[in-house]
Amino acid sequence: MTPLLILALAAVVILLATRRAPAPDVTPTETPAPTRPLPDDLLRLPEPARTRAWALLCTVHDALRSEPADARAAFLLRQTLSDYLPDTVRAFLHLTPAARAQLDAQGQPPETLLLEQLSLIEGGVAEALRHDHAAADRLLTQGRFLREHFGAAGDLRVPER
């Protein structure tokens, strides 16, 4: 190899070694979490929504503290605490005067909508706490096992050994 070719290859290697990688895309994919904690937001709600939201928050906290055995109920409770209740409260609190006027003109007062949404969350939480999905799943699993093992109800047979 000629010295000129070696020098050119060395320059390319040095250039590639010192070249910076492109900057990562820093565009946020999600909206950052609000900095204001939920209890502060609950204090800004009008009555009776404030009392109902606090009661709901306490119910969810108490239920999570006792660690529900049912995974589906625990998931719903965690989602209620992290998303459903905060999103509902913040959507109400961030209504502009123009948005309030528009809702009122449509016959949907914001306070009524908030109470309806809190009722939906309360109903979902109450339903989750009423049911033990794990016990139901165990019974269904046992039934499937018995059907596979013994056949249909009219076709009971002793398994061969």
N, C-alpha and C. Protein backbone atom coordinates (compact mmCIF):
# COMPACT_ATOMS: atom_id res chain seq x y z
N MET A 1 0.83 -1.17 0.00
CA MET A 1 0.00 0.00 0.00
C MET A 1 0.88 1.23 0.00
N THR A 2 0.36 2.19 -0.70
CA THR A 2 1.12 3.44 -0.77
C THR A 2 0.84 4.27 0.47
N PRO A 3 1.79 5.11 0.82
CA PRO A 3 1.59 5.94 2.01
C PRO A 3 0.36 6.84 1.89
N LEU A 4 0.04 7.27 0.69
CA LEU A 4 -1.12 8.14 0.51
C LEU A 4 -2.42 7.38 0.79
N LEU A 5 -2.49 6.12 0.35
CA LEU A 5 -3.67 5.30 0.58
C LEU A 5 -3.81 5.00 2.06
N ILE A 6 -2.71 4.72 2.74
CA ILE A 6 -2.74 4.46 4.18
C ILE A 6 -3.20 5.70 4.92
N LEU A 7 -2.72 6.84 4.51
CA LEU A 7 -3.11 8.09 5.15
C LEU A 7 -4.60 8.36 4.94
N ALA A 8 -5.12 8.07 3.75
CA ALA A 8 -6.54 8.28 3.45
C ALA A 8 -7.40 7.34 4.28
N LEU A 9 -6.98 6.07 4.40
CA LEU A 9 -7.72 5.11 5.22
C LEU A 9 -7.69 5.50 6.69
N ALA A 10 -6.54 5.96 7.17
CA ALA A 10 -6.44 6.40 8.56
C ALA A 10 -7.36 7.58 8.82
N ALA A 11 -7.42 8.51 7.86
CA ALA A 11 -8.30 9.67 8.02
C ALA A 11 -9.76 9.25 8.08
N VAL A 12 -10.16 8.30 7.25
CA VAL A 12 -11.54 7.81 7.27
C VAL A 12 -11.84 7.13 8.60
N VAL A 13 -10.91 6.29 9.08
CA VAL A 13 -11.10 5.60 10.36
C VAL A 13 -11.23 6.61 11.50
N ILE A 14 -10.37 7.61 11.51
CA ILE A 14 -10.42 8.64 12.56
C ILE A 14 -11.74 9.41 12.46
N LEU A 15 -12.14 9.75 11.27
CA LEU A 15 -13.39 10.47 11.07
C LEU A 15 -14.57 9.66 11.58
N LEU A 16 -14.61 8.38 11.25
CA LEU A 16 -15.71 7.52 11.71
C LEU A 16 -15.68 7.33 13.22
N ALA A 17 -14.50 7.23 13.79
CA ALA A 17 -14.38 7.02 15.23
C ALA A 17 -14.80 8.25 16.03
N THR A 18 -14.59 9.42 15.49
CA THR A 18 -14.91 10.64 16.23
C THR A 18 -16.27 11.22 15.86
N ARG A 19 -16.91 10.61 14.91
CA ARG A 19 -18.23 11.11 14.49
C ARG A 19 -19.25 10.85 15.59
N ARG A 20 -20.05 11.83 15.87
CA ARG A 20 -21.05 11.70 16.93
C ARG A 20 -22.29 11.00 16.40
N ALA A 21 -22.88 10.23 17.28
CA ALA A 21 -24.14 9.59 16.93
C ALA A 21 -25.22 10.66 16.88
N PRO A 22 -26.22 10.48 16.07
CA PRO A 22 -27.29 11.48 16.03
C PRO A 22 -27.97 11.57 17.39
N ALA A 23 -28.40 12.76 17.72
CA ALA A 23 -29.07 12.98 19.01
C ALA A 23 -30.36 12.17 19.04
N PRO A 24 -30.63 11.56 20.17
CA PRO A 24 -31.87 10.79 20.26
C PRO A 24 -33.07 11.71 20.16
N ASP A 25 -34.16 11.15 19.67
CA ASP A 25 -35.39 11.92 19.57
C ASP A 25 -35.89 12.19 20.97
N VAL A 26 -36.00 13.44 21.32
CA VAL A 26 -36.40 13.81 22.67
C VAL A 26 -37.84 14.28 22.72
N THR A 27 -38.59 14.06 21.66
CA THR A 27 -39.99 14.42 21.66
C THR A 27 -40.71 13.51 22.64
N PRO A 28 -41.38 14.08 23.63
CA PRO A 28 -42.06 13.21 24.60
C PRO A 28 -43.20 12.46 23.93
N THR A 29 -43.33 11.19 24.27
CA THR A 29 -44.39 10.37 23.70
C THR A 29 -45.64 10.42 24.58
N GLU A 30 -45.47 10.81 25.82
CA GLU A 30 -46.61 10.91 26.73
C GLU A 30 -46.61 12.27 27.37
N THR A 31 -47.77 12.68 27.78
CA THR A 31 -47.86 13.92 28.52
C THR A 31 -47.24 13.68 29.89
N PRO A 32 -46.37 14.58 30.36
CA PRO A 32 -45.78 14.36 31.67
C PRO A 32 -46.85 14.36 32.75
N ALA A 33 -46.58 13.60 33.79
CA ALA A 33 -47.53 13.51 34.90
C ALA A 33 -47.68 14.88 35.55
N PRO A 34 -48.90 15.22 35.93
CA PRO A 34 -49.10 16.50 36.59
C PRO A 34 -48.31 16.56 37.89
N THR A 35 -47.85 17.75 38.22
CA THR A 35 -47.05 17.89 39.43
C THR A 35 -47.91 18.04 40.67
N ARG A 36 -49.16 18.41 40.49
CA ARG A 36 -50.04 18.62 41.63
C ARG A 36 -50.59 17.27 42.09
N PRO A 37 -50.48 16.93 43.37
CA PRO A 37 -51.01 15.65 43.84
C PRO A 37 -52.54 15.66 43.87
N LEU A 38 -53.12 14.48 43.78
CA LEU A 38 -54.57 14.34 43.72
C LEU A 38 -55.29 14.97 44.92
N PRO A 39 -54.83 14.77 46.16
CA PRO A 39 -55.57 15.39 47.28
C PRO A 39 -55.72 16.91 47.13
N ASP A 40 -54.72 17.59 46.61
CA ASP A 40 -54.85 19.03 46.38
C ASP A 40 -55.96 19.32 45.38
N ASP A 41 -56.05 18.52 44.35
CA ASP A 41 -57.08 18.72 43.34
C ASP A 41 -58.46 18.45 43.92
N LEU A 42 -58.57 17.42 44.77
CA LEU A 42 -59.87 17.11 45.36
C LEU A 42 -60.40 18.27 46.18
N LEU A 43 -59.51 19.00 46.82
CA LEU A 43 -59.93 20.14 47.63
C LEU A 43 -60.54 21.25 46.79
N ARG A 44 -60.26 21.27 45.52
CA ARG A 44 -60.77 22.32 44.63
C ARG A 44 -62.12 21.98 44.01
N LEU A 45 -62.62 20.77 44.26
CA LEU A 45 -63.91 20.36 43.70
C LEU A 45 -65.06 21.00 44.47
N PRO A 46 -66.18 21.24 43.78
CA PRO A 46 -67.36 21.75 44.49
C PRO A 46 -68.05 20.61 45.24
N GLU A 47 -68.79 20.96 46.28
CA GLU A 47 -69.60 19.96 46.97
C GLU A 47 -70.80 19.62 46.11
N PRO A 48 -71.32 18.44 46.11
CA PRO A 48 -70.98 17.26 46.88
C PRO A 48 -69.90 16.39 46.23
N ALA A 49 -69.39 16.81 45.07
CA ALA A 49 -68.38 16.01 44.37
C ALA A 49 -67.12 15.85 45.22
N ARG A 50 -66.76 16.90 45.97
CA ARG A 50 -65.55 16.81 46.80
C ARG A 50 -65.68 15.68 47.82
N THR A 51 -66.80 15.62 48.51
CA THR A 51 -67.01 14.58 49.53
C THR A 51 -67.01 13.19 48.91
N ARG A 52 -67.67 13.05 47.76
CA ARG A 52 -67.74 11.74 47.10
C ARG A 52 -66.37 11.31 46.59
N ALA A 53 -65.60 12.26 46.05
CA ALA A 53 -64.26 11.92 45.54
C ALA A 53 -63.34 11.51 46.70
N TRP A 54 -63.42 12.23 47.82
CA TRP A 54 -62.61 11.86 48.99
C TRP A 54 -63.00 10.48 49.50
N ALA A 55 -64.30 10.21 49.58
CA ALA A 55 -64.76 8.89 50.04
C ALA A 55 -64.25 7.79 49.11
N LEU A 56 -64.31 8.05 47.82
CA LEU A 56 -63.81 7.08 46.85
C LEU A 56 -62.31 6.86 47.01
N LEU A 57 -61.57 7.95 47.17
CA LEU A 57 -60.13 7.84 47.38
C LEU A 57 -59.82 7.01 48.63
N CYS A 58 -60.54 7.26 49.72
CA CYS A 58 -60.34 6.50 50.97
C CYS A 58 -60.69 5.03 50.79
N THR A 59 -61.78 4.76 50.08
CA THR A 59 -62.18 3.36 49.83
C THR A 59 -61.11 2.61 49.07
N VAL A 60 -60.58 3.24 48.04
CA VAL A 60 -59.54 2.59 47.23
C VAL A 60 -58.27 2.39 48.04
N HIS A 61 -57.86 3.40 48.79
CA HIS A 61 -56.66 3.26 49.63
C HIS A 61 -56.83 2.13 50.64
N ASP A 62 -57.97 2.09 51.31
CA ASP A 62 -58.21 1.03 52.30
C ASP A 62 -58.21 -0.35 51.67
N ALA A 63 -58.84 -0.46 50.51
CA ALA A 63 -58.90 -1.76 49.83
C ALA A 63 -57.51 -2.21 49.39
N LEU A 64 -56.71 -1.28 48.90
CA LEU A 64 -55.35 -1.65 48.48
C LEU A 64 -54.46 -1.98 49.68
N ARG A 65 -54.71 -1.35 50.80
CA ARG A 65 -53.92 -1.63 52.00
C ARG A 65 -54.15 -3.06 52.47
N SER A 66 -55.37 -3.56 52.28
CA SER A 66 -55.66 -4.94 52.70
C SER A 66 -55.25 -5.95 51.64
N GLU A 67 -54.62 -5.49 50.58
CA GLU A 67 -54.10 -6.34 49.50
C GLU A 67 -55.13 -7.36 49.02
N PRO A 68 -56.01 -6.95 48.12
CA PRO A 68 -57.02 -7.87 47.61
C PRO A 68 -56.38 -9.12 47.00
N ALA A 69 -56.98 -10.27 47.28
CA ALA A 69 -56.45 -11.53 46.76
C ALA A 69 -56.69 -11.64 45.26
N ASP A 70 -57.72 -10.99 44.78
CA ASP A 70 -58.07 -11.07 43.38
C ASP A 70 -57.24 -10.09 42.56
N ALA A 71 -56.53 -10.58 41.58
CA ALA A 71 -55.64 -9.75 40.77
C ALA A 71 -56.42 -8.73 39.95
N ARG A 72 -57.59 -9.11 39.45
CA ARG A 72 -58.37 -8.16 38.65
C ARG A 72 -58.87 -7.00 39.49
N ALA A 73 -59.32 -7.28 40.70
CA ALA A 73 -59.79 -6.21 41.58
C ALA A 73 -58.62 -5.31 41.96
N ALA A 74 -57.47 -5.89 42.26
CA ALA A 74 -56.29 -5.09 42.62
C ALA A 74 -55.88 -4.20 41.45
N PHE A 75 -55.93 -4.72 40.23
CA PHE A 75 -55.58 -3.93 39.06
C PHE A 75 -56.54 -2.76 38.90
N LEU A 76 -57.84 -3.02 39.01
CA LEU A 76 -58.82 -1.96 38.86
C LEU A 76 -58.63 -0.89 39.95
N LEU A 77 -58.34 -1.31 41.16
CA LEU A 77 -58.13 -0.35 42.25
C LEU A 77 -56.89 0.52 41.98
N ARG A 78 -55.82 -0.12 41.53
CA ARG A 78 -54.60 0.66 41.23
C ARG A 78 -54.84 1.64 40.07
N GLN A 79 -55.56 1.18 39.05
CA GLN A 79 -55.87 2.06 37.92
C GLN A 79 -56.77 3.22 38.35
N THR A 80 -57.70 2.93 39.25
CA THR A 80 -58.57 3.99 39.76
C THR A 80 -57.75 5.05 40.47
N LEU A 81 -56.82 4.60 41.27
CA LEU A 81 -55.98 5.53 42.03
C LEU A 81 -55.01 6.30 41.14
N SER A 82 -54.44 5.64 40.15
CA SER A 82 -53.41 6.29 39.33
C SER A 82 -53.98 7.02 38.12
N ASP A 83 -55.12 6.57 37.58
CA ASP A 83 -55.62 7.14 36.33
C ASP A 83 -57.07 7.61 36.39
N TYR A 84 -57.99 6.70 36.70
CA TYR A 84 -59.41 7.00 36.53
C TYR A 84 -59.86 8.20 37.35
N LEU A 85 -59.58 8.19 38.64
CA LEU A 85 -60.01 9.30 39.48
C LEU A 85 -59.24 10.58 39.18
N PRO A 86 -57.90 10.54 39.11
CA PRO A 86 -57.18 11.78 38.79
C PRO A 86 -57.57 12.38 37.43
N ASP A 87 -57.73 11.54 36.42
CA ASP A 87 -58.10 12.05 35.09
C ASP A 87 -59.47 12.71 35.10
N THR A 88 -60.40 12.12 35.84
CA THR A 88 -61.75 12.67 35.94
C THR A 88 -61.73 14.03 36.64
N VAL A 89 -61.03 14.08 37.76
CA VAL A 89 -60.96 15.32 38.54
C VAL A 89 -60.26 16.42 37.73
N ARG A 90 -59.16 16.09 37.12
CA ARG A 90 -58.40 17.11 36.38
C ARG A 90 -59.14 17.59 35.13
N ALA A 91 -59.88 16.70 34.49
CA ALA A 91 -60.67 17.12 33.33
C ALA A 91 -61.70 18.17 33.75
N PHE A 92 -62.30 17.97 34.90
CA PHE A 92 -63.27 18.94 35.40
C PHE A 92 -62.57 20.25 35.78
N LEU A 93 -61.47 20.15 36.50
CA LEU A 93 -60.78 21.35 36.98
C LEU A 93 -60.18 22.18 35.85
N HIS A 94 -59.88 21.56 34.73
CA HIS A 94 -59.25 22.29 33.63
C HIS A 94 -60.25 22.81 32.60
N LEU A 95 -61.53 22.78 32.94
CA LEU A 95 -62.52 23.34 32.02
C LEU A 95 -62.33 24.85 31.94
N THR A 96 -62.34 25.36 30.75
CA THR A 96 -62.26 26.81 30.55
C THR A 96 -63.67 27.38 30.68
N PRO A 97 -63.78 28.68 30.88
CA PRO A 97 -65.12 29.29 30.91
C PRO A 97 -65.90 29.02 29.62
N ALA A 98 -65.23 29.04 28.48
CA ALA A 98 -65.92 28.76 27.21
C ALA A 98 -66.42 27.32 27.17
N ALA A 99 -65.64 26.39 27.66
CA ALA A 99 -66.06 24.98 27.68
C ALA A 99 -67.25 24.80 28.63
N ARG A 100 -67.21 25.46 29.77
CA ARG A 100 -68.33 25.39 30.71
C ARG A 100 -69.61 25.92 30.06
N ALA A 101 -69.48 27.06 29.38
CA ALA A 101 -70.64 27.65 28.73
C ALA A 101 -71.20 26.73 27.65
N GLN A 102 -70.30 26.09 26.91
CA GLN A 102 -70.73 25.17 25.86
C GLN A 102 -71.48 23.98 26.45
N LEU A 103 -70.94 23.41 27.53
CA LEU A 103 -71.62 22.28 28.18
C LEU A 103 -72.98 22.70 28.73
N ASP A 104 -73.03 23.88 29.36
CA ASP A 104 -74.31 24.37 29.89
C ASP A 104 -75.32 24.57 28.77
N ALA A 105 -74.86 25.11 27.64
CA ALA A 105 -75.75 25.34 26.49
C ALA A 105 -76.30 24.02 25.94
N GLN A 106 -75.54 22.93 26.11
CA GLN A 106 -75.98 21.61 25.65
C GLN A 106 -76.83 20.90 26.70
N GLY A 107 -77.10 21.58 27.80
CA GLY A 107 -77.90 20.97 28.86
C GLY A 107 -77.13 19.97 29.70
N GLN A 108 -75.80 20.10 29.72
CA GLN A 108 -74.95 19.18 30.49
C GLN A 108 -74.06 19.99 31.43
N PRO A 109 -74.58 20.41 32.56
CA PRO A 109 -73.75 21.18 33.50
C PRO A 109 -72.52 20.37 33.91
N PRO A 110 -71.36 21.01 33.95
CA PRO A 110 -70.13 20.29 34.30
C PRO A 110 -70.20 19.58 35.65
N GLU A 111 -70.86 20.19 36.61
CA GLU A 111 -70.95 19.57 37.94
C GLU A 111 -71.75 18.26 37.87
N THR A 112 -72.80 18.26 37.06
CA THR A 112 -73.60 17.04 36.89
C THR A 112 -72.78 15.96 36.19
N LEU A 113 -72.04 16.35 35.16
CA LEU A 113 -71.18 15.38 34.47
C LEU A 113 -70.14 14.79 35.41
N LEU A 114 -69.56 15.64 36.25
CA LEU A 114 -68.57 15.15 37.21
C LEU A 114 -69.19 14.15 38.17
N LEU A 115 -70.37 14.46 38.68
CA LEU A 115 -71.04 13.53 39.61
C LEU A 115 -71.38 12.20 38.92
N GLU A 116 -71.80 12.26 37.66
CA GLU A 116 -72.08 11.02 36.91
C GLU A 116 -70.82 10.18 36.74
N GLN A 117 -69.71 10.84 36.43
CA GLN A 117 -68.45 10.11 36.25
C GLN A 117 -67.95 9.52 37.56
N LEU A 118 -68.10 10.26 38.64
CA LEU A 118 -67.73 9.71 39.95
C LEU A 118 -68.60 8.51 40.30
N SER A 119 -69.88 8.57 39.94
CA SER A 119 -70.78 7.43 40.18
C SER A 119 -70.33 6.20 39.42
N LEU A 120 -69.88 6.40 38.17
CA LEU A 120 -69.40 5.26 37.39
C LEU A 120 -68.18 4.62 38.05
N ILE A 121 -67.26 5.46 38.50
CA ILE A 121 -66.05 4.92 39.16
C ILE A 121 -66.44 4.23 40.46
N GLU A 122 -67.32 4.85 41.25
CA GLU A 122 -67.76 4.23 42.50
C GLU A 122 -68.39 2.86 42.24
N GLY A 123 -69.22 2.78 41.21
CA GLY A 123 -69.85 1.50 40.88
C GLY A 123 -68.85 0.44 40.48
N GLY A 124 -67.85 0.84 39.68
CA GLY A 124 -66.83 -0.12 39.28
C GLY A 124 -66.00 -0.62 40.45
N VAL A 125 -65.66 0.29 41.35
CA VAL A 125 -64.88 -0.10 42.53
C VAL A 125 -65.72 -1.00 43.43
N ALA A 126 -66.97 -0.63 43.66
CA ALA A 126 -67.84 -1.45 44.52
C ALA A 126 -68.02 -2.84 43.92
N GLU A 127 -68.21 -2.91 42.62
CA GLU A 127 -68.38 -4.21 41.95
C GLU A 127 -67.11 -5.07 42.09
N ALA A 128 -65.96 -4.44 41.92
CA ALA A 128 -64.69 -5.19 42.05
C ALA A 128 -64.50 -5.71 43.46
N LEU A 129 -64.90 -4.92 44.43
CA LEU A 129 -64.73 -5.34 45.83
C LEU A 129 -65.76 -6.39 46.24
N ARG A 130 -66.90 -6.43 45.53
CA ARG A 130 -67.94 -7.41 45.84
C ARG A 130 -67.60 -8.80 45.33
N HIS A 131 -66.83 -8.86 44.28
CA HIS A 131 -66.58 -10.15 43.63
C HIS A 131 -65.19 -10.66 43.94
N ASP A 132 -65.14 -11.96 44.13
CA ASP A 132 -63.85 -12.63 44.28
C ASP A 132 -63.63 -13.40 42.98
N HIS A 133 -63.04 -12.72 42.00
CA HIS A 133 -62.84 -13.34 40.69
C HIS A 133 -61.94 -14.57 40.78
N ALA A 134 -61.01 -14.57 41.71
CA ALA A 134 -60.10 -15.71 41.84
C ALA A 134 -60.88 -16.97 42.22
N ALA A 135 -61.82 -16.84 43.15
CA ALA A 135 -62.61 -18.00 43.57
C ALA A 135 -63.48 -18.48 42.40
N ALA A 136 -64.05 -17.55 41.65
CA ALA A 136 -64.85 -17.94 40.49
C ALA A 136 -63.99 -18.63 39.45
N ASP A 137 -62.79 -18.11 39.24
CA ASP A 137 -61.88 -18.73 38.28
C ASP A 137 -61.51 -20.16 38.71
N ARG A 138 -61.30 -20.35 40.01
CA ARG A 138 -60.97 -21.70 40.50
C ARG A 138 -62.11 -22.67 40.24
N LEU A 139 -63.35 -22.22 40.47
CA LEU A 139 -64.51 -23.07 40.23
C LEU A 139 -64.64 -23.40 38.75
N LEU A 140 -64.45 -22.40 37.89
CA LEU A 140 -64.52 -22.65 36.44
C LEU A 140 -63.42 -23.61 35.99
N THR A 141 -62.24 -23.43 36.51
CA THR A 141 -61.13 -24.32 36.16
C THR A 141 -61.42 -25.74 36.61
N GLN A 142 -61.97 -25.90 37.81
CA GLN A 142 -62.33 -27.23 38.30
C GLN A 142 -63.38 -27.86 37.40
N GLY A 143 -64.36 -27.07 36.97
CA GLY A 143 -65.40 -27.59 36.08
C GLY A 143 -64.83 -28.05 34.76
N ARG A 144 -63.89 -27.28 34.20
CA ARG A 144 -63.25 -27.70 32.94
C ARG A 144 -62.47 -28.99 33.14
N PHE A 145 -61.77 -29.07 34.24
CA PHE A 145 -61.01 -30.29 34.53
C PHE A 145 -61.94 -31.49 34.61
N LEU A 146 -63.04 -31.35 35.34
CA LEU A 146 -63.96 -32.47 35.50
C LEU A 146 -64.60 -32.87 34.17
N ARG A 147 -64.95 -31.86 33.32
CA ARG A 147 -65.52 -32.19 32.02
C ARG A 147 -64.51 -32.95 31.16
N GLU A 148 -63.26 -32.51 31.20
CA GLU A 148 -62.23 -33.21 30.42
C GLU A 148 -61.97 -34.60 30.98
N HIS A 149 -61.98 -34.71 32.28
CA HIS A 149 -61.64 -35.98 32.92
C HIS A 149 -62.78 -37.00 32.86
N PHE A 150 -63.99 -36.52 33.10
CA PHE A 150 -65.12 -37.44 33.18
C PHE A 150 -66.06 -37.35 31.98
N GLY A 151 -65.88 -36.39 31.11
CA GLY A 151 -66.77 -36.25 29.95
C GLY A 151 -67.98 -35.42 30.29
N ALA A 152 -68.95 -35.41 29.38
CA ALA A 152 -70.18 -34.64 29.57
C ALA A 152 -70.96 -35.19 30.75
N ALA A 153 -71.88 -34.41 31.27
CA ALA A 153 -72.63 -34.80 32.47
C ALA A 153 -73.35 -36.14 32.29
N GLY A 154 -73.89 -36.40 31.12
CA GLY A 154 -74.59 -37.67 30.89
C GLY A 154 -73.65 -38.79 30.49
N ASP A 155 -72.39 -38.52 30.34
CA ASP A 155 -71.43 -39.49 29.84
C ASP A 155 -70.32 -39.73 30.87
N LEU A 156 -70.74 -39.94 32.13
CA LEU A 156 -69.73 -40.16 33.16
C LEU A 156 -69.10 -41.53 32.99
N ARG A 157 -67.80 -41.57 33.07
CA ARG A 157 -67.11 -42.84 32.93
C ARG A 157 -65.91 -42.85 33.87
N VAL A 158 -65.56 -44.00 34.28
CA VAL A 158 -64.41 -44.18 35.17
C VAL A 158 -63.16 -44.21 34.31
N PRO A 159 -62.17 -43.39 34.65
CA PRO A 159 -60.95 -43.39 33.84
C PRO A 159 -60.23 -44.73 33.95
N GLU A 160 -59.64 -45.16 32.86
CA GLU A 160 -58.88 -46.41 32.86
C GLU A 160 -57.57 -46.21 33.58
N ARG A 161 -57.12 -47.29 34.25
CA ARG A 161 -55.85 -47.20 34.96
C ARG A 161 -54.86 -48.13 34.36
